C-alpha cells in the first residue's frame, strides 16, 4: 500500500509539472493537487521561472489551515 501511495504522489507531481495551473488555488498562493485513490492532496506554489515548490502532502481530514499556517 505504501508503494502505491508513493507512485500516486509521484503521478500527481508529474501532472503538476506538465501544467502548473491544472489544480485550483486553495489558499492565497497555494494550489492543491488531488491524489487519485487516496484522500490526500499535494499543496504547491508556482514560483518565478515556473519553479514548483511543494509545501505539503496532507490527508483531507487534517487541518490544512493550521499545518500550512494560512500562508
PDB file of N, CA and C in Angstrom:
ATOM      1  N   UNK A   1       0.825  -1.197   0.000  1.00  0.00           N
ATOM      2  CA  UNK A   1       0.000   0.000   0.000  1.00  0.00           C
ATOM      3  C   UNK A   1       0.866   1.257   0.000  1.00  0.00           C
ATOM      4  N   UNK A   2       1.979   1.251   0.722  1.00  0.00           N
ATOM      5  CA  UNK A   2       2.861   2.406   0.778  1.00  0.00           C
ATOM      6  C   UNK A   2       3.492   2.705  -0.573  1.00  0.00           C
ATOM      7  N   UNK A   3       3.843   1.654  -1.306  1.00  0.00           N
ATOM      8  CA  UNK A   3       4.450   1.832  -2.620  1.00  0.00           C
ATOM      9  C   UNK A   3       3.448   2.467  -3.587  1.00  0.00           C
ATOM     10  N   UNK A   4       2.191   2.026  -3.533  1.00  0.00           N
ATOM     11  CA  UNK A   4       1.150   2.594  -4.387  1.00  0.00           C
ATOM     12  C   UNK A   4       0.931   4.071  -4.066  1.00  0.00           C
ATOM     13  N   UNK A   5       0.946   4.413  -2.779  1.00  0.00           N
ATOM     14  CA  UNK A   5       0.782   5.811  -2.377  1.00  0.00           C
ATOM     15  C   UNK A   5       1.898   6.679  -2.964  1.00  0.00           C
ATOM     16  N   UNK A   6       3.125   6.228  -2.840  1.00  0.00           N
ATOM     17  CA  UNK A   6       4.259   6.979  -3.366  1.00  0.00           C
ATOM     18  C   UNK A   6       4.134   7.137  -4.886  1.00  0.00           C
ATOM     19  N   UNK A   7       3.700   6.094  -5.574  1.00  0.00           N
ATOM     20  CA  UNK A   7       3.510   6.163  -7.027  1.00  0.00           C
ATOM     21  C   UNK A   7       2.450   7.203  -7.389  1.00  0.00           C
ATOM     22  N   UNK A   8       1.347   7.235  -6.631  1.00  0.00           N
ATOM     23  CA  UNK A   8       0.269   8.184  -6.919  1.00  0.00           C
ATOM     24  C   UNK A   8       0.699   9.628  -6.629  1.00  0.00           C
ATOM     25  N   UNK A   9       1.474   9.829  -5.582  1.00  0.00           N
ATOM     26  CA  UNK A   9       2.009  11.168  -5.286  1.00  0.00           C
ATOM     27  C   UNK A   9       2.923  11.594  -6.429  1.00  0.00           C
ATOM     28  N   UNK A  10       3.764  10.691  -6.876  1.00  0.00           N
ATOM     29  CA  UNK A  10       4.677  10.987  -7.986  1.00  0.00           C
ATOM     30  C   UNK A  10       3.889  11.348  -9.253  1.00  0.00           C
ATOM     31  N   UNK A  11       2.835  10.604  -9.559  1.00  0.00           N
ATOM     32  CA  UNK A  11       1.989  10.897 -10.719  1.00  0.00           C
ATOM     33  C   UNK A  11       1.361  12.281 -10.605  1.00  0.00           C
ATOM     34  N   UNK A  12       0.910  12.631  -9.416  1.00  0.00           N
ATOM     35  CA  UNK A  12       0.313  13.946  -9.183  1.00  0.00           C
ATOM     36  C   UNK A  12       1.340  15.043  -9.441  1.00  0.00           C
ATOM     37  N   UNK A  13       2.549  14.864  -8.960  1.00  0.00           N
ATOM     38  CA  UNK A  13       3.597  15.861  -9.153  1.00  0.00           C
ATOM     39  C   UNK A  13       3.966  15.972 -10.634  1.00  0.00           C
ATOM     40  N   UNK A  14       3.959  14.869 -11.356  1.00  0.00           N
ATOM     41  CA  UNK A  14       4.224  14.915 -12.797  1.00  0.00           C
ATOM     42  C   UNK A  14       3.136  15.701 -13.530  1.00  0.00           C
ATOM     43  N   UNK A  15       1.872  15.511 -13.122  1.00  0.00           N
ATOM     44  CA  UNK A  15       0.767  16.281 -13.720  1.00  0.00           C
ATOM     45  C   UNK A  15       0.958  17.772 -13.448  1.00  0.00           C
ATOM     46  N   UNK A  16       1.361  18.087 -12.244  1.00  0.00           N
ATOM     47  CA  UNK A  16       1.616  19.491 -11.885  1.00  0.00           C
ATOM     48  C   UNK A  16       2.749  20.050 -12.750  1.00  0.00           C
ATOM     49  N   UNK A  17       3.805  19.273 -12.943  1.00  0.00           N
ATOM     50  CA  UNK A  17       4.940  19.735 -13.741  1.00  0.00           C
ATOM     51  C   UNK A  17       4.536  19.981 -15.195  1.00  0.00           C
ATOM     52  N   UNK A  18       3.621  19.168 -15.726  1.00  0.00           N
ATOM     53  CA  UNK A  18       3.161  19.328 -17.102  1.00  0.00           C
ATOM     54  C   UNK A  18       2.289  20.567 -17.271  1.00  0.00           C
ATOM     55  N   UNK A  19       1.484  20.874 -16.266  1.00  0.00           N
ATOM     56  CA  UNK A  19       0.577  22.019 -16.329  1.00  0.00           C
ATOM     57  C   UNK A  19       0.398  22.557 -14.913  1.00  0.00           C
ATOM     58  N   UNK A  20       1.171  23.586 -14.570  1.00  0.00           N
ATOM     59  CA  UNK A  20       1.208  24.098 -13.199  1.00  0.00           C
ATOM     60  C   UNK A  20      -0.150  24.595 -12.707  1.00  0.00           C
ATOM     61  N   UNK A  21      -1.033  25.008 -13.603  1.00  0.00           N
ATOM     62  CA  UNK A  21      -2.319  25.561 -13.187  1.00  0.00           C
ATOM     63  C   UNK A  21      -3.464  24.560 -13.330  1.00  0.00           C
ATOM     64  N   UNK A  22      -3.127  23.276 -13.427  1.00  0.00           N
ATOM     65  CA  UNK A  22      -4.144  22.245 -13.603  1.00  0.00           C
ATOM     66  C   UNK A  22      -5.060  22.146 -12.370  1.00  0.00           C
ATOM     67  N   UNK A  23      -4.554  22.478 -11.203  1.00  0.00           N
ATOM     68  CA  UNK A  23      -5.339  22.413  -9.973  1.00  0.00           C
ATOM     69  C   UNK A  23      -5.662  23.823  -9.475  1.00  0.00           C
ATOM     70  N   UNK A  24      -6.809  23.982  -8.798  1.00  0.00           N
ATOM     71  CA  UNK A  24      -7.221  25.319  -8.338  1.00  0.00           C
ATOM     72  C   UNK A  24      -6.427  25.806  -7.123  1.00  0.00           C
ATOM     73  N   UNK A  25      -6.423  27.124  -6.956  1.00  0.00           N
ATOM     74  CA  UNK A  25      -5.820  27.707  -5.753  1.00  0.00           C
ATOM     75  C   UNK A  25      -6.738  27.438  -4.573  1.00  0.00           C
ATOM     76  N   UNK A  26      -6.163  27.002  -3.458  1.00  0.00           N
ATOM     77  CA  UNK A  26      -6.928  26.721  -2.245  1.00  0.00           C
ATOM     78  C   UNK A  26      -6.675  27.771  -1.176  1.00  0.00           C
ATOM     79  N   UNK A  27      -5.465  28.268  -1.130  1.00  0.00           N
ATOM     80  CA  UNK A  27      -5.068  29.277  -0.163  1.00  0.00           C
ATOM     81  C   UNK A  27      -4.460  30.422  -0.950  1.00  0.00           C
ATOM     82  N   UNK A  28      -4.092  31.472  -0.315  1.00  0.00           N
ATOM     83  CA  UNK A  28      -3.614  32.672  -1.011  1.00  0.00           C
ATOM     84  C   UNK A  28      -2.835  32.376  -2.283  1.00  0.00           C
ATOM     85  N   UNK A  29      -1.793  31.608  -2.186  1.00  0.00           N
ATOM     86  CA  UNK A  29      -0.990  31.314  -3.369  1.00  0.00           C
ATOM     87  C   UNK A  29      -0.745  29.824  -3.560  1.00  0.00           C
ATOM     88  N   UNK A  30      -1.318  28.985  -2.716  1.00  0.00           N
ATOM     89  CA  UNK A  30      -1.097  27.546  -2.815  1.00  0.00           C
ATOM     90  C   UNK A  30      -2.200  26.870  -3.619  1.00  0.00           C
ATOM     91  N   UNK A  31      -1.797  25.960  -4.448  1.00  0.00           N
ATOM     92  CA  UNK A  31      -2.732  25.123  -5.195  1.00  0.00           C
ATOM     93  C   UNK A  31      -2.726  23.737  -4.553  1.00  0.00           C
ATOM     94  N   UNK A  32      -3.786  22.980  -4.779  1.00  0.00           N
ATOM     95  CA  UNK A  32      -3.896  21.650  -4.177  1.00  0.00           C
ATOM     96  C   UNK A  32      -4.189  20.619  -5.259  1.00  0.00           C
ATOM     97  N   UNK A  33      -3.235  19.729  -5.463  1.00  0.00           N
ATOM     98  CA  UNK A  33      -3.405  18.648  -6.430  1.00  0.00           C
ATOM     99  C   UNK A  33      -3.938  17.412  -5.739  1.00  0.00           C
ATOM    100  N   UNK A  34      -5.047  16.895  -6.248  1.00  0.00           N
ATOM    101  CA  UNK A  34      -5.654  15.705  -5.651  1.00  0.00           C
ATOM    102  C   UNK A  34      -4.891  14.452  -6.057  1.00  0.00           C
ATOM    103  N   UNK A  35      -4.721  13.545  -5.116  1.00  0.00           N
ATOM    104  CA  UNK A  35      -4.024  12.292  -5.372  1.00  0.00           C
ATOM    105  C   UNK A  35      -5.070  11.209  -5.607  1.00  0.00           C
ATOM    106  N   UNK A  36      -5.105  10.637  -6.808  1.00  0.00           N
ATOM    107  CA  UNK A  36      -6.089   9.595  -7.104  1.00  0.00           C
ATOM    108  C   UNK A  36      -5.950   8.402  -6.156  1.00  0.00           C
ATOM    109  N   UNK A  37      -7.050   7.810  -5.805  1.00  0.00           N
ATOM    110  CA  UNK A  37      -7.115   6.605  -4.973  1.00  0.00           C
ATOM    111  C   UNK A  37      -6.951   6.877  -3.480  1.00  0.00           C
ATOM    112  N   UNK A  38      -6.371   7.991  -3.113  1.00  0.00           N
ATOM    113  CA  UNK A  38      -6.115   8.305  -1.711  1.00  0.00           C
ATOM    114  C   UNK A  38      -6.742   9.657  -1.359  1.00  0.00           C
ATOM    115  N   UNK A  39      -7.208   9.813  -0.121  1.00  0.00           N
ATOM    116  CA  UNK A  39      -7.794  11.100   0.297  1.00  0.00           C
ATOM    117  C   UNK A  39      -6.714  12.091   0.737  1.00  0.00           C
ATOM    118  N   UNK A  40      -5.812  12.405  -0.174  1.00  0.00           N
ATOM    119  CA  UNK A  40      -4.692  13.312   0.105  1.00  0.00           C
ATOM    120  C   UNK A  40      -4.568  14.337  -1.014  1.00  0.00           C
ATOM    121  N   UNK A  41      -3.921  15.451  -0.698  1.00  0.00           N
ATOM    122  CA  UNK A  41      -3.618  16.478  -1.693  1.00  0.00           C
ATOM    123  C   UNK A  41      -2.173  16.941  -1.540  1.00  0.00           C
ATOM    124  N   UNK A  42      -1.589  17.321  -2.666  1.00  0.00           N
ATOM    125  CA  UNK A  42      -0.253  17.912  -2.685  1.00  0.00           C
ATOM    126  C   UNK A  42      -0.441  19.424  -2.782  1.00  0.00           C
ATOM    127  N   UNK A  43       0.063  20.157  -1.803  1.00  0.00           N
ATOM    128  CA  UNK A  43      -0.047  21.617  -1.790  1.00  0.00           C
ATOM    129  C   UNK A  43       1.244  22.196  -2.349  1.00  0.00           C
ATOM    130  N   UNK A  44       1.095  23.064  -3.345  1.00  0.00           N
ATOM    131  CA  UNK A  44       2.272  23.589  -4.031  1.00  0.00           C
ATOM    132  C   UNK A  44       2.065  25.030  -4.490  1.00  0.00           C
ATOM    133  N   UNK A  45       3.171  25.646  -4.876  1.00  0.00           N
ATOM    134  CA  UNK A  45       3.157  27.017  -5.381  1.00  0.00           C
ATOM    135  C   UNK A  45       4.031  27.071  -6.635  1.00  0.00           C
ATOM    136  N   UNK A  46       3.566  27.823  -7.626  1.00  0.00           N
ATOM    137  CA  UNK A  46       4.372  28.054  -8.816  1.00  0.00           C
ATOM    138  C   UNK A  46       5.131  29.358  -8.590  1.00  0.00           C
ATOM    139  N   UNK A  47       6.448  29.261  -8.578  1.00  0.00           N
ATOM    140  CA  UNK A  47       7.283  30.432  -8.331  1.00  0.00           C
ATOM    141  C   UNK A  47       7.844  30.973  -9.641  1.00  0.00           C
ATOM    142  N   UNK A  48       8.702  31.944  -9.535  1.00  0.00           N
ATOM    143  CA  UNK A  48       9.311  32.547 -10.722  1.00  0.00           C
ATOM    144  C   UNK A  48      10.007  31.482 -11.560  1.00  0.00           C
ATOM    145  N   UNK A  49      10.041  31.706 -12.855  1.00  0.00           N
ATOM    146  CA  UNK A  49      10.665  30.780 -13.811  1.00  0.00           C
ATOM    147  C   UNK A  49       9.993  29.407 -13.807  1.00  0.00           C
ATOM    148  N   UNK A  50       8.697  29.374 -13.441  1.00  0.00           N
ATOM    149  CA  UNK A  50       7.899  28.143 -13.410  1.00  0.00           C
ATOM    150  C   UNK A  50       8.456  27.069 -12.476  1.00  0.00           C
ATOM    151  N   UNK A  51       9.216  27.470 -11.487  1.00  0.00           N
ATOM    152  CA  UNK A  51       9.700  26.549 -10.471  1.00  0.00           C
ATOM    153  C   UNK A  51       8.524  26.162  -9.581  1.00  0.00           C
ATOM    154  N   UNK A  52       8.377  24.885  -9.314  1.00  0.00           N
ATOM    155  CA  UNK A  52       7.279  24.402  -8.476  1.00  0.00           C
ATOM    156  C   UNK A  52       7.835  24.048  -7.102  1.00  0.00           C
ATOM    157  N   UNK A  53       7.248  24.656  -6.066  1.00  0.00           N
ATOM    158  CA  UNK A  53       7.670  24.384  -4.693  1.00  0.00           C
ATOM    159  C   UNK A  53       6.541  23.636  -3.994  1.00  0.00           C
ATOM    160  N   UNK A  54       6.817  22.406  -3.543  1.00  0.00           N
ATOM    161  CA  UNK A  54       5.822  21.592  -2.834  1.00  0.00           C
ATOM    162  C   UNK A  54       5.935  21.899  -1.348  1.00  0.00           C
ATOM    163  N   UNK A  55       4.798  22.266  -0.740  1.00  0.00           N
ATOM    164  CA  UNK A  55       4.779  22.620   0.686  1.00  0.00           C
ATOM    165  C   UNK A  55       4.383  21.446   1.570  1.00  0.00           C
ATOM    166  N   UNK A  56       3.449  20.620   1.083  1.00  0.00           N
ATOM    167  CA  UNK A  56       2.976  19.529   1.937  1.00  0.00           C
ATOM    168  C   UNK A  56       2.164  18.535   1.124  1.00  0.00           C
ATOM    169  N   UNK A  57       2.044  17.345   1.669  1.00  0.00           N
ATOM    170  CA  UNK A  57       1.119  16.327   1.171  1.00  0.00           C
ATOM    171  C   UNK A  57       0.276  15.960   2.380  1.00  0.00           C
ATOM    172  N   UNK A  58      -1.006  16.341   2.345  1.00  0.00           N
ATOM    173  CA  UNK A  58      -1.853  16.203   3.527  1.00  0.00           C
ATOM    174  C   UNK A  58      -3.085  15.339   3.277  1.00  0.00           C
ATOM    175  N   UNK A  59      -3.494  14.623   4.316  1.00  0.00           N
ATOM    176  CA  UNK A  59      -4.758  13.887   4.302  1.00  0.00           C
ATOM    177  C   UNK A  59      -5.888  14.907   4.364  1.00  0.00           C
ATOM    178  N   UNK A  60      -6.990  14.629   3.708  1.00  0.00           N
ATOM    179  CA  UNK A  60      -8.106  15.578   3.648  1.00  0.00           C
ATOM    180  C   UNK A  60      -8.730  15.879   5.012  1.00  0.00           C
ATOM    181  N   UNK A  61      -8.543  15.008   5.980  1.00  0.00           N
ATOM    182  CA  UNK A  61      -9.109  15.261   7.313  1.00  0.00           C
ATOM    183  C   UNK A  61      -8.183  16.109   8.193  1.00  0.00           C
ATOM    184  N   UNK A  62      -6.968  16.342   7.746  1.00  0.00           N
ATOM    185  CA  UNK A  62      -6.055  17.173   8.525  1.00  0.00           C
ATOM    186  C   UNK A  62      -6.454  18.634   8.407  1.00  0.00           C
ATOM    187  N   UNK A  63      -6.168  19.397   9.437  1.00  0.00           N
ATOM    188  CA  UNK A  63      -6.469  20.823   9.425  1.00  0.00           C
ATOM    189  C   UNK A  63      -5.379  21.538   8.637  1.00  0.00           C
ATOM    190  N   UNK A  64      -5.624  21.717   7.355  1.00  0.00           N
ATOM    191  CA  UNK A  64      -4.603  22.300   6.492  1.00  0.00           C
ATOM    192  C   UNK A  64      -4.321  23.756   6.827  1.00  0.00           C
ATOM    193  N   UNK A  65      -5.311  24.503   7.343  1.00  0.00           N
ATOM    194  CA  UNK A  65      -5.065  25.894   7.751  1.00  0.00           C
ATOM    195  C   UNK A  65      -3.979  25.951   8.815  1.00  0.00           C
ATOM    196  N   UNK A  66      -4.097  25.082   9.804  1.00  0.00           N
ATOM    197  CA  UNK A  66      -3.142  25.062  10.905  1.00  0.00           C
ATOM    198  C   UNK A  66      -1.761  24.605  10.426  1.00  0.00           C
ATOM    199  N   UNK A  67      -1.726  23.555   9.636  1.00  0.00           N
ATOM    200  CA  UNK A  67      -0.458  22.981   9.204  1.00  0.00           C
ATOM    201  C   UNK A  67       0.265  23.903   8.227  1.00  0.00           C
ATOM    202  N   UNK A  68      -0.483  24.495   7.297  1.00  0.00           N
ATOM    203  CA  UNK A  68       0.132  25.354   6.293  1.00  0.00           C
ATOM    204  C   UNK A  68       0.301  26.778   6.794  1.00  0.00           C
ATOM    205  N   UNK A  69      -0.194  27.066   7.971  1.00  0.00           N
ATOM    206  CA  UNK A  69      -0.014  28.371   8.568  1.00  0.00           C
ATOM    207  C   UNK A  69      -0.714  29.491   7.818  1.00  0.00           C
ATOM    208  N   UNK A  70      -1.797  29.157   7.120  1.00  0.00           N
ATOM    209  CA  UNK A  70      -2.557  30.162   6.360  1.00  0.00           C
ATOM    210  C   UNK A  70      -1.635  31.015   5.526  1.00  0.00           C
ATOM    211  N   UNK A  71      -0.721  30.392   4.814  1.00  0.00           N
ATOM    212  CA  UNK A  71       0.284  31.108   4.014  1.00  0.00           C
ATOM    213  C   UNK A  71      -0.373  31.994   3.027  1.00  0.00           C
TER     214      UNK A  71
END
